[in-house]
Amino acid sequence: MSTDNDPIALPTLWLLGKTGAGKSSIVRYLTGDESITIGNGFRPCTQTSQAYDFPIDRPWVRFVDTRGLGEADYDPDEDLTFCQLQSHALLICARLDDPEQRDLLAAIKKIKKRYRINQ
């Protein structure tokens, strides 16, 4: 994670989804950063939100990988507020074989309400 840049200076893509939706895998694939830990199934891997600047030497984009929605004892409200302030776009991640997306839909509704998005 780079701290050399102002968090708003780089175009920032926020990845949001449940545990096991592939958020960290997407960031690892796009950046080629092998140090990004990816999970195996539905076991949580990302314990805190992490920002990854790409490329590292002269970044032109930032990815924000967040904790998985629906984790036990995790209230995402603080992370949702922080990420909304830091991000320029939202990438919603979901497993196609997971029909239960209540936590993700609730988070999206909160985001829409805060920004008064009608669509």
Protein backbone atom coordinates (compact mmCIF):
# COMPACT_ATOMS: atom_id res chain seq x y z
CA MET A 1 0.00 0.00 0.00
CA SER A 2 1.43 3.34 -0.98
CA THR A 3 1.20 6.37 1.26
CA ASP A 4 3.11 8.69 -1.07
CA ASN A 5 -0.02 9.84 -2.87
CA ASP A 6 -3.06 11.72 -1.70
CA PRO A 7 -5.84 9.08 -1.40
CA ILE A 8 -8.08 11.09 -3.73
CA ALA A 9 -5.35 11.84 -6.30
CA LEU A 10 -5.48 8.40 -7.92
CA PRO A 11 -8.59 7.02 -9.58
CA THR A 12 -9.77 4.51 -6.99
CA LEU A 13 -11.79 1.35 -7.59
CA TRP A 14 -13.51 -0.05 -4.50
CA LEU A 15 -14.26 -3.79 -4.48
CA LEU A 16 -17.31 -4.78 -2.42
CA GLY A 17 -18.77 -8.23 -1.80
CA LYS A 18 -19.27 -11.08 0.60
CA THR A 19 -16.49 -13.28 1.94
CA GLY A 20 -15.31 -15.57 -0.84
CA ALA A 21 -16.62 -13.38 -3.68
CA GLY A 22 -13.15 -13.01 -5.21
CA LYS A 23 -12.28 -9.41 -4.31
CA SER A 24 -8.67 -10.15 -3.32
CA SER A 25 -8.28 -12.56 -6.24
CA ILE A 26 -9.31 -9.84 -8.69
CA VAL A 27 -6.86 -7.33 -7.21
CA ARG A 28 -4.07 -9.90 -7.19
CA TYR A 29 -4.74 -10.83 -10.81
CA LEU A 30 -4.93 -7.21 -12.03
CA THR A 31 -1.86 -6.01 -10.16
CA GLY A 32 0.24 -9.17 -10.32
CA ASP A 33 1.00 -8.66 -6.62
CA GLU A 34 1.68 -12.18 -5.32
CA SER A 35 1.81 -10.90 -1.73
CA ILE A 36 -1.97 -10.42 -1.73
CA THR A 37 -3.42 -13.32 0.23
CA ILE A 38 -6.40 -14.99 -1.37
CA GLY A 39 -8.83 -17.24 0.40
CA ASN A 40 -9.94 -20.76 -0.24
CA GLY A 41 -13.72 -20.94 -0.28
CA PHE A 42 -15.81 -19.05 2.23
CA ARG A 43 -13.19 -18.62 4.97
CA PRO A 44 -12.43 -14.89 5.49
CA CYS A 45 -8.97 -13.85 4.41
CA THR A 46 -9.01 -10.04 4.30
CA GLN A 47 -9.12 -8.76 7.88
CA THR A 48 -8.96 -5.03 7.14
CA SER A 49 -9.49 -2.89 4.08
CA GLN A 50 -6.30 -2.58 2.04
CA ALA A 51 -5.35 -0.18 -0.73
CA TYR A 52 -3.10 -1.34 -3.56
CA ASP A 53 -1.56 1.17 -5.94
CA PHE A 54 -0.76 -0.03 -9.45
CA PRO A 55 1.85 -0.06 -10.75
CA ILE A 56 3.84 0.32 -7.55
CA ASP A 57 6.62 2.52 -8.96
CA ARG A 58 4.38 5.06 -10.79
CA PRO A 59 0.78 4.33 -9.84
CA TRP A 60 -2.10 5.48 -12.01
CA VAL A 61 -4.88 3.53 -10.27
CA ARG A 62 -5.70 2.36 -6.73
CA PHE A 63 -7.73 -0.71 -5.76
CA VAL A 64 -9.42 -0.84 -2.34
CA ASP A 65 -9.98 -4.43 -1.23
CA THR A 66 -12.45 -4.61 1.64
CA ARG A 67 -13.47 -7.19 4.22
CA GLY A 68 -16.18 -9.59 3.21
CA LEU A 69 -19.75 -8.62 3.96
CA GLY A 70 -21.61 -11.07 6.16
CA GLU A 71 -18.64 -12.00 8.35
CA ALA A 72 -19.58 -12.82 11.94
CA ASP A 73 -19.13 -9.90 14.35
CA TYR A 74 -18.36 -7.45 11.51
CA ASP A 75 -20.37 -4.26 11.08
CA PRO A 76 -19.40 -2.80 7.71
CA ASP A 77 -20.88 0.70 8.27
CA GLU A 78 -17.57 2.36 9.15
CA ASP A 79 -15.80 0.75 6.18
CA LEU A 80 -18.68 1.67 3.85
CA THR A 81 -18.44 5.32 4.87
CA PHE A 82 -14.65 5.41 4.58
CA CYS A 83 -14.57 3.68 1.21
CA GLN A 84 -17.32 5.89 -0.21
CA LEU A 85 -15.19 8.94 0.58
CA GLN A 86 -12.05 7.44 -0.99
CA SER A 87 -13.45 5.84 -4.13
CA HIS A 88 -14.37 6.92 -7.61
CA ALA A 89 -16.04 3.69 -8.74
CA LEU A 90 -17.51 0.58 -7.14
CA LEU A 91 -16.96 -2.97 -8.37
CA ILE A 92 -19.59 -5.29 -6.91
CA CYS A 93 -18.33 -8.86 -6.55
CA ALA A 94 -20.57 -11.90 -6.07
CA ARG A 95 -20.20 -15.65 -6.49
CA LEU A 96 -22.56 -16.98 -9.12
CA ASP A 97 -23.19 -20.10 -7.03
CA ASP A 98 -24.16 -18.13 -3.89
CA PRO A 99 -27.88 -17.31 -4.01
CA GLU A 100 -27.77 -15.51 -0.62
CA GLN A 101 -26.78 -11.89 -1.30
CA ARG A 102 -28.82 -10.12 1.40
CA ASP A 103 -25.77 -8.46 3.03
CA LEU A 104 -24.47 -7.22 -0.32
CA LEU A 105 -27.86 -5.83 -1.32
CA ALA A 106 -28.20 -4.09 2.05
CA ALA A 107 -24.79 -2.44 1.60
CA ILE A 108 -25.67 -1.30 -1.93
CA LYS A 109 -28.95 0.19 -0.65
CA LYS A 110 -27.03 2.14 2.03
CA ILE A 111 -24.62 3.46 -0.57
CA LYS A 112 -27.47 4.48 -2.89
CA LYS A 113 -29.31 6.21 -0.04
CA ARG A 114 -26.24 8.17 1.10
CA TYR A 115 -25.57 9.41 -2.42
CA ARG A 116 -29.24 9.72 -3.35
CA ILE A 117 -28.81 7.42 -6.33
CA ASN A 118 -32.22 6.53 -7.77
CA GLN A 119 -31.25 3.76 -10.17
